[in-house]
Amino acid sequence: MLYLIIAAGMFMAAVNHRKPLVFGLVLLAALLSTAGTFLSLKRYLAWNEANSDCATKAVVIANDRTAESQLKKFAQGTTQDNDWWRVSTHTDGRSLIYETHFKKPVDPTTFSGALAIIQKTALKVECDEQSGNLKRLKAIQTHTFYGVDGQRLASFAVTPADCPQQ
């Protein structure tokens, strides 16, 4: 804007007029051109932000770099121990591993019904958009169940690929 004021002074000197009207018109032109430039820049930046995926890429990169430590934090404090079972949770890379050791004998019919419910719950946790942690971190949940004698009863895994597409 300063360059337009200097140009107005040079114009007035060249035409030998010191009329305030000339200075006022040049000042008005300077203000209008500055406002036009500002609005154009504002509109361009808004369009660029809306059409850019830089923010999304930054989030993806941050998640990739911190996924394992976030999973370790998620696994902390999830150990359960009661009269029927002991559930321990640990991580290995991007795998979140749940191990359930039963303390009492388990009825196979009851166990298979409970296993179906546990699988649905694990899938819901994996795909839940509200928490979104496991899907966002591309984590694999592995659930393994052991009987009283230490023999493996069943196991299953849930990955982000198992989530329904939206």
Foldseek 3Di string as FASTA:
>chain_A
DVVLLVVLVVVCVVVVHPDVVSSVVSVVVVVVVVVVVVVVVVVVVVVCVVPDCVVVVVLLVVLQVCLQVVLQVVQPPPWDDDQFWTWHWDDDRQEIEIEIETQDADDPVVVVVVVVVVVVVVQCVCQPPVVNSSLSSQHKYKYWYAYNVRHTDDIDIDTNVPHDDD
